[in-house]
C-alpha cells in the first residue's frame, strides 16, 4: 500500500472515531456497507475522490491536498 493510501486510511479512521461513530454507523450515514468502511480504513480499498468528499462532509472535516 502506498504511503498516501495509508495516510488516507488512517485519517478516515481517526475522523470517524473522533465523532464517536462505529464503522456501521458511518456506513449507514454514507449509504454503504460496514465492510466497505472497513476496507477504506484498512487501505484494502481506496475511496474515489467523490466518496472521499462525501466522507469528509459526513464527518464535518476538510480535505487539504498539496502536490509538491
PDB file of N, CA and C in Angstrom:
ATOM      1  N   UNK A   1       0.855  -1.164   0.000  1.00  0.00           N
ATOM      2  CA  UNK A   1       0.000   0.000   0.000  1.00  0.00           C
ATOM      3  C   UNK A   1       0.905   1.232   0.000  1.00  0.00           C
ATOM      4  N   UNK A   2       0.505   2.219  -0.792  1.00  0.00           N
ATOM      5  CA  UNK A   2       1.304   3.443  -0.873  1.00  0.00           C
ATOM      6  C   UNK A   2       1.181   4.258   0.413  1.00  0.00           C
ATOM      7  N   UNK A   3       2.126   5.150   0.605  1.00  0.00           N
ATOM      8  CA  UNK A   3       2.106   5.998   1.787  1.00  0.00           C
ATOM      9  C   UNK A   3       0.851   6.884   1.793  1.00  0.00           C
ATOM     10  N   UNK A   4       0.465   7.380   0.627  1.00  0.00           N
ATOM     11  CA  UNK A   4      -0.730   8.221   0.534  1.00  0.00           C
ATOM     12  C   UNK A   4      -1.984   7.431   0.904  1.00  0.00           C
ATOM     13  N   UNK A   5      -2.108   6.218   0.393  1.00  0.00           N
ATOM     14  CA  UNK A   5      -3.266   5.378   0.709  1.00  0.00           C
ATOM     15  C   UNK A   5      -3.315   5.080   2.204  1.00  0.00           C
ATOM     16  N   UNK A   6      -2.168   4.843   2.791  1.00  0.00           N
ATOM     17  CA  UNK A   6      -2.095   4.563   4.221  1.00  0.00           C
ATOM     18  C   UNK A   6      -2.518   5.796   5.027  1.00  0.00           C
ATOM     19  N   UNK A   7      -2.089   6.983   4.592  1.00  0.00           N
ATOM     20  CA  UNK A   7      -2.474   8.227   5.272  1.00  0.00           C
ATOM     21  C   UNK A   7      -3.974   8.454   5.190  1.00  0.00           C
ATOM     22  N   UNK A   8      -4.547   8.252   4.001  1.00  0.00           N
ATOM     23  CA  UNK A   8      -5.985   8.443   3.817  1.00  0.00           C
ATOM     24  C   UNK A   8      -6.753   7.477   4.712  1.00  0.00           C
ATOM     25  N   UNK A   9      -6.335   6.227   4.735  1.00  0.00           N
ATOM     26  CA  UNK A   9      -6.999   5.224   5.567  1.00  0.00           C
ATOM     27  C   UNK A   9      -6.974   5.634   7.042  1.00  0.00           C
ATOM     28  N   UNK A  10      -5.813   6.066   7.516  1.00  0.00           N
ATOM     29  CA  UNK A  10      -5.682   6.471   8.912  1.00  0.00           C
ATOM     30  C   UNK A  10      -6.529   7.702   9.221  1.00  0.00           C
ATOM     31  N   UNK A  11      -6.561   8.658   8.304  1.00  0.00           N
ATOM     32  CA  UNK A  11      -7.336   9.876   8.536  1.00  0.00           C
ATOM     33  C   UNK A  11      -8.832   9.599   8.581  1.00  0.00           C
ATOM     34  N   UNK A  12      -9.306   8.694   7.737  1.00  0.00           N
ATOM     35  CA  UNK A  12     -10.727   8.325   7.769  1.00  0.00           C
ATOM     36  C   UNK A  12     -11.053   7.691   9.124  1.00  0.00           C
ATOM     37  N   UNK A  13     -10.222   6.756   9.544  1.00  0.00           N
ATOM     38  CA  UNK A  13     -10.443   6.067  10.819  1.00  0.00           C
ATOM     39  C   UNK A  13     -10.420   7.052  11.986  1.00  0.00           C
ATOM     40  N   UNK A  14      -9.431   7.929  12.011  1.00  0.00           N
ATOM     41  CA  UNK A  14      -9.312   8.895  13.102  1.00  0.00           C
ATOM     42  C   UNK A  14     -10.498   9.857  13.138  1.00  0.00           C
ATOM     43  N   UNK A  15     -10.932  10.326  11.969  1.00  0.00           N
ATOM     44  CA  UNK A  15     -12.063  11.255  11.917  1.00  0.00           C
ATOM     45  C   UNK A  15     -13.342  10.575  12.389  1.00  0.00           C
ATOM     46  N   UNK A  16     -13.536   9.324  11.980  1.00  0.00           N
ATOM     47  CA  UNK A  16     -14.729   8.579  12.405  1.00  0.00           C
ATOM     48  C   UNK A  16     -14.733   8.400  13.916  1.00  0.00           C
ATOM     49  N   UNK A  17     -13.596   7.974  14.452  1.00  0.00           N
ATOM     50  CA  UNK A  17     -13.505   7.740  15.891  1.00  0.00           C
ATOM     51  C   UNK A  17     -13.689   9.028  16.678  1.00  0.00           C
ATOM     52  N   UNK A  18     -13.172  10.136  16.156  1.00  0.00           N
ATOM     53  CA  UNK A  18     -13.295  11.408  16.871  1.00  0.00           C
ATOM     54  C   UNK A  18     -14.756  11.867  16.956  1.00  0.00           C
ATOM     55  N   UNK A  19     -15.576  11.391  16.040  1.00  0.00           N
ATOM     56  CA  UNK A  19     -17.006  11.705  16.069  1.00  0.00           C
ATOM     57  C   UNK A  19     -17.797  10.682  16.876  1.00  0.00           C
ATOM     58  N   UNK A  20     -17.101   9.657  17.393  1.00  0.00           N
ATOM     59  CA  UNK A  20     -17.751   8.646  18.220  1.00  0.00           C
ATOM     60  C   UNK A  20     -18.639   7.698  17.437  1.00  0.00           C
ATOM     61  N   UNK A  21     -18.293   7.484  16.170  1.00  0.00           N
ATOM     62  CA  UNK A  21     -19.103   6.618  15.312  1.00  0.00           C
ATOM     63  C   UNK A  21     -18.444   5.258  15.122  1.00  0.00           C
ATOM     64  N   UNK A  22     -19.273   4.243  14.968  1.00  0.00           N
ATOM     65  CA  UNK A  22     -18.771   2.930  14.581  1.00  0.00           C
ATOM     66  C   UNK A  22     -18.676   2.892  13.057  1.00  0.00           C
ATOM     67  N   UNK A  23     -17.992   1.884  12.545  1.00  0.00           N
ATOM     68  CA  UNK A  23     -17.930   1.713  11.091  1.00  0.00           C
ATOM     69  C   UNK A  23     -19.331   1.499  10.524  1.00  0.00           C
ATOM     70  N   UNK A  24     -20.144   0.773  11.258  1.00  0.00           N
ATOM     71  CA  UNK A  24     -21.511   0.516  10.802  1.00  0.00           C
ATOM     72  C   UNK A  24     -22.306   1.818  10.724  1.00  0.00           C
ATOM     73  N   UNK A  25     -22.189   2.658  11.750  1.00  0.00           N
ATOM     74  CA  UNK A  25     -22.924   3.929  11.766  1.00  0.00           C
ATOM     75  C   UNK A  25     -22.478   4.840  10.623  1.00  0.00           C
ATOM     76  N   UNK A  26     -21.165   4.922  10.397  1.00  0.00           N
ATOM     77  CA  UNK A  26     -20.670   5.745   9.291  1.00  0.00           C
ATOM     78  C   UNK A  26     -21.155   5.184   7.963  1.00  0.00           C
ATOM     79  N   UNK A  27     -21.093   3.883   7.810  1.00  0.00           N
ATOM     80  CA  UNK A  27     -21.580   3.262   6.579  1.00  0.00           C
ATOM     81  C   UNK A  27     -23.038   3.590   6.320  1.00  0.00           C
ATOM     82  N   UNK A  28     -23.859   3.539   7.365  1.00  0.00           N
ATOM     83  CA  UNK A  28     -25.279   3.865   7.210  1.00  0.00           C
ATOM     84  C   UNK A  28     -25.460   5.320   6.793  1.00  0.00           C
ATOM     85  N   UNK A  29     -24.671   6.208   7.358  1.00  0.00           N
ATOM     86  CA  UNK A  29     -24.756   7.620   7.008  1.00  0.00           C
ATOM     87  C   UNK A  29     -24.337   7.872   5.563  1.00  0.00           C
ATOM     88  N   UNK A  30     -23.408   7.056   5.078  1.00  0.00           N
ATOM     89  CA  UNK A  30     -22.898   7.206   3.718  1.00  0.00           C
ATOM     90  C   UNK A  30     -23.692   6.402   2.693  1.00  0.00           C
ATOM     91  N   UNK A  31     -24.527   5.488   3.178  1.00  0.00           N
ATOM     92  CA  UNK A  31     -25.264   4.618   2.272  1.00  0.00           C
ATOM     93  C   UNK A  31     -24.418   3.495   1.703  1.00  0.00           C
ATOM     94  N   UNK A  32     -23.405   3.076   2.477  1.00  0.00           N
ATOM     95  CA  UNK A  32     -22.546   1.961   2.071  1.00  0.00           C
ATOM     96  C   UNK A  32     -22.464   0.975   3.231  1.00  0.00           C
ATOM     97  N   UNK A  33     -21.938  -0.189   2.965  1.00  0.00           N
ATOM     98  CA  UNK A  33     -21.845  -1.212   3.995  1.00  0.00           C
ATOM     99  C   UNK A  33     -20.678  -0.996   4.950  1.00  0.00           C
ATOM    100  N   UNK A  34     -20.815  -1.560   6.128  1.00  0.00           N
ATOM    101  CA  UNK A  34     -19.756  -1.523   7.137  1.00  0.00           C
ATOM    102  C   UNK A  34     -18.460  -2.104   6.585  1.00  0.00           C
ATOM    103  N   UNK A  35     -18.567  -3.145   5.775  1.00  0.00           N
ATOM    104  CA  UNK A  35     -17.365  -3.784   5.230  1.00  0.00           C
ATOM    105  C   UNK A  35     -16.607  -2.841   4.299  1.00  0.00           C
ATOM    106  N   UNK A  36     -17.322  -1.990   3.585  1.00  0.00           N
ATOM    107  CA  UNK A  36     -16.659  -1.022   2.699  1.00  0.00           C
ATOM    108  C   UNK A  36     -15.903   0.002   3.541  1.00  0.00           C
ATOM    109  N   UNK A  37     -16.511   0.482   4.623  1.00  0.00           N
ATOM    110  CA  UNK A  37     -15.834   1.421   5.519  1.00  0.00           C
ATOM    111  C   UNK A  37     -14.575   0.761   6.072  1.00  0.00           C
ATOM    112  N   UNK A  38     -14.682  -0.493   6.473  1.00  0.00           N
ATOM    113  CA  UNK A  38     -13.537  -1.225   6.988  1.00  0.00           C
ATOM    114  C   UNK A  38     -12.419  -1.303   5.953  1.00  0.00           C
ATOM    115  N   UNK A  39     -12.776  -1.546   4.706  1.00  0.00           N
ATOM    116  CA  UNK A  39     -11.774  -1.620   3.638  1.00  0.00           C
ATOM    117  C   UNK A  39     -11.099  -0.273   3.424  1.00  0.00           C
ATOM    118  N   UNK A  40     -11.878   0.819   3.482  1.00  0.00           N
ATOM    119  CA  UNK A  40     -11.284   2.150   3.351  1.00  0.00           C
ATOM    120  C   UNK A  40     -10.314   2.420   4.487  1.00  0.00           C
ATOM    121  N   UNK A  41     -10.698   2.059   5.702  1.00  0.00           N
ATOM    122  CA  UNK A  41      -9.877   2.341   6.876  1.00  0.00           C
ATOM    123  C   UNK A  41      -8.634   1.461   6.973  1.00  0.00           C
ATOM    124  N   UNK A  42      -8.672   0.316   6.360  1.00  0.00           N
ATOM    125  CA  UNK A  42      -7.516  -0.582   6.390  1.00  0.00           C
ATOM    126  C   UNK A  42      -6.609  -0.368   5.180  1.00  0.00           C
ATOM    127  N   UNK A  43      -7.093   0.390   4.210  1.00  0.00           N
ATOM    128  CA  UNK A  43      -6.321   0.620   2.999  1.00  0.00           C
ATOM    129  C   UNK A  43      -6.451  -0.482   1.966  1.00  0.00           C
ATOM    130  N   UNK A  44      -7.346  -1.443   2.219  1.00  0.00           N
ATOM    131  CA  UNK A  44      -7.549  -2.528   1.254  1.00  0.00           C
ATOM    132  C   UNK A  44      -8.329  -2.060   0.032  1.00  0.00           C
ATOM    133  N   UNK A  45      -9.020  -0.929   0.160  1.00  0.00           N
ATOM    134  CA  UNK A  45      -9.746  -0.341  -0.961  1.00  0.00           C
ATOM    135  C   UNK A  45      -9.617   1.171  -0.840  1.00  0.00           C
ATOM    136  N   UNK A  46      -9.401   1.833  -1.956  1.00  0.00           N
ATOM    137  CA  UNK A  46      -9.275   3.283  -1.960  1.00  0.00           C
ATOM    138  C   UNK A  46     -10.598   3.913  -2.361  1.00  0.00           C
ATOM    139  N   UNK A  47     -11.068   4.898  -1.585  1.00  0.00           N
ATOM    140  CA  UNK A  47     -12.294   5.587  -1.980  1.00  0.00           C
ATOM    141  C   UNK A  47     -12.030   6.485  -3.181  1.00  0.00           C
ATOM    142  N   UNK A  48     -13.042   6.691  -3.993  1.00  0.00           N
ATOM    143  CA  UNK A  48     -12.919   7.657  -5.074  1.00  0.00           C
ATOM    144  C   UNK A  48     -12.849   9.049  -4.465  1.00  0.00           C
ATOM    145  N   UNK A  49     -12.475  10.018  -5.262  1.00  0.00           N
ATOM    146  CA  UNK A  49     -12.441  11.405  -4.780  1.00  0.00           C
ATOM    147  C   UNK A  49     -13.835  11.816  -4.324  1.00  0.00           C
ATOM    148  N   UNK A  50     -14.854  11.456  -5.091  1.00  0.00           N
ATOM    149  CA  UNK A  50     -16.233  11.815  -4.730  1.00  0.00           C
ATOM    150  C   UNK A  50     -16.635  11.168  -3.404  1.00  0.00           C
ATOM    151  N   UNK A  51     -16.263   9.912  -3.203  1.00  0.00           N
ATOM    152  CA  UNK A  51     -16.575   9.225  -1.947  1.00  0.00           C
ATOM    153  C   UNK A  51     -15.802   9.837  -0.797  1.00  0.00           C
ATOM    154  N   UNK A  52     -14.552  10.177  -1.038  1.00  0.00           N
ATOM    155  CA  UNK A  52     -13.754  10.810   0.000  1.00  0.00           C
ATOM    156  C   UNK A  52     -14.373  12.149   0.414  1.00  0.00           C
ATOM    157  N   UNK A  53     -14.879  12.904  -0.551  1.00  0.00           N
ATOM    158  CA  UNK A  53     -15.543  14.170  -0.232  1.00  0.00           C
ATOM    159  C   UNK A  53     -16.815  13.928   0.567  1.00  0.00           C
ATOM    160  N   UNK A  54     -17.552  12.874   0.215  1.00  0.00           N
ATOM    161  CA  UNK A  54     -18.772  12.536   0.947  1.00  0.00           C
ATOM    162  C   UNK A  54     -18.447  12.138   2.393  1.00  0.00           C
ATOM    163  N   UNK A  55     -17.371  11.394   2.569  1.00  0.00           N
ATOM    164  CA  UNK A  55     -16.934  11.011   3.919  1.00  0.00           C
ATOM    165  C   UNK A  55     -16.582  12.267   4.706  1.00  0.00           C
ATOM    166  N   UNK A  56     -15.815  13.160   4.090  1.00  0.00           N
ATOM    167  CA  UNK A  56     -15.417  14.396   4.767  1.00  0.00           C
ATOM    168  C   UNK A  56     -16.635  15.234   5.142  1.00  0.00           C
ATOM    169  N   UNK A  57     -17.580  15.366   4.219  1.00  0.00           N
ATOM    170  CA  UNK A  57     -18.792  16.138   4.500  1.00  0.00           C
ATOM    171  C   UNK A  57     -19.583  15.509   5.644  1.00  0.00           C
ATOM    172  N   UNK A  58     -19.722  14.192   5.607  1.00  0.00           N
ATOM    173  CA  UNK A  58     -20.486  13.476   6.628  1.00  0.00           C
ATOM    174  C   UNK A  58     -19.844  13.631   8.005  1.00  0.00           C
ATOM    175  N   UNK A  59     -18.516  13.601   8.048  1.00  0.00           N
ATOM    176  CA  UNK A  59     -17.800  13.714   9.314  1.00  0.00           C
ATOM    177  C   UNK A  59     -17.486  15.171   9.673  1.00  0.00           C
ATOM    178  N   UNK A  60     -17.894  16.080   8.793  1.00  0.00           N
ATOM    179  CA  UNK A  60     -17.689  17.514   9.009  1.00  0.00           C
ATOM    180  C   UNK A  60     -16.209  17.850   9.198  1.00  0.00           C
ATOM    181  N   UNK A  61     -15.385  17.317   8.269  1.00  0.00           N
ATOM    182  CA  UNK A  61     -13.968  17.622   8.257  1.00  0.00           C
ATOM    183  C   UNK A  61     -13.599  18.128   6.856  1.00  0.00           C
ATOM    184  N   UNK A  62     -12.463  18.793   6.758  1.00  0.00           N
ATOM    185  CA  UNK A  62     -11.998  19.318   5.481  1.00  0.00           C
ATOM    186  C   UNK A  62     -10.907  18.426   4.907  1.00  0.00           C
ATOM    187  N   UNK A  63     -10.827  18.409   3.588  1.00  0.00           N
ATOM    188  CA  UNK A  63      -9.765  17.708   2.894  1.00  0.00           C
ATOM    189  C   UNK A  63      -8.769  18.771   2.426  1.00  0.00           C
ATOM    190  N   UNK A  64      -7.516  18.609   2.794  1.00  0.00           N
ATOM    191  CA  UNK A  64      -6.461  19.512   2.344  1.00  0.00           C
ATOM    192  C   UNK A  64      -5.461  18.699   1.527  1.00  0.00           C
ATOM    193  N   UNK A  65      -5.266  19.097   0.288  1.00  0.00           N
ATOM    194  CA  UNK A  65      -4.323  18.394  -0.585  1.00  0.00           C
ATOM    195  C   UNK A  65      -3.174  19.321  -0.961  1.00  0.00           C
ATOM    196  N   UNK A  66      -2.019  18.766  -1.060  1.00  0.00           N
ATOM    197  CA  UNK A  66      -0.856  19.522  -1.512  1.00  0.00           C
ATOM    198  C   UNK A  66      -0.045  18.650  -2.462  1.00  0.00           C
ATOM    199  N   UNK A  67       0.167  19.157  -3.645  1.00  0.00           N
ATOM    200  CA  UNK A  67       1.014  18.460  -4.600  1.00  0.00           C
ATOM    201  C   UNK A  67       2.348  19.207  -4.639  1.00  0.00           C
ATOM    202  N   UNK A  68       3.392  18.517  -4.309  1.00  0.00           N
ATOM    203  CA  UNK A  68       4.700  19.180  -4.243  1.00  0.00           C
ATOM    204  C   UNK A  68       5.657  18.549  -5.204  1.00  0.00           C
TER     205      UNK A  68
END
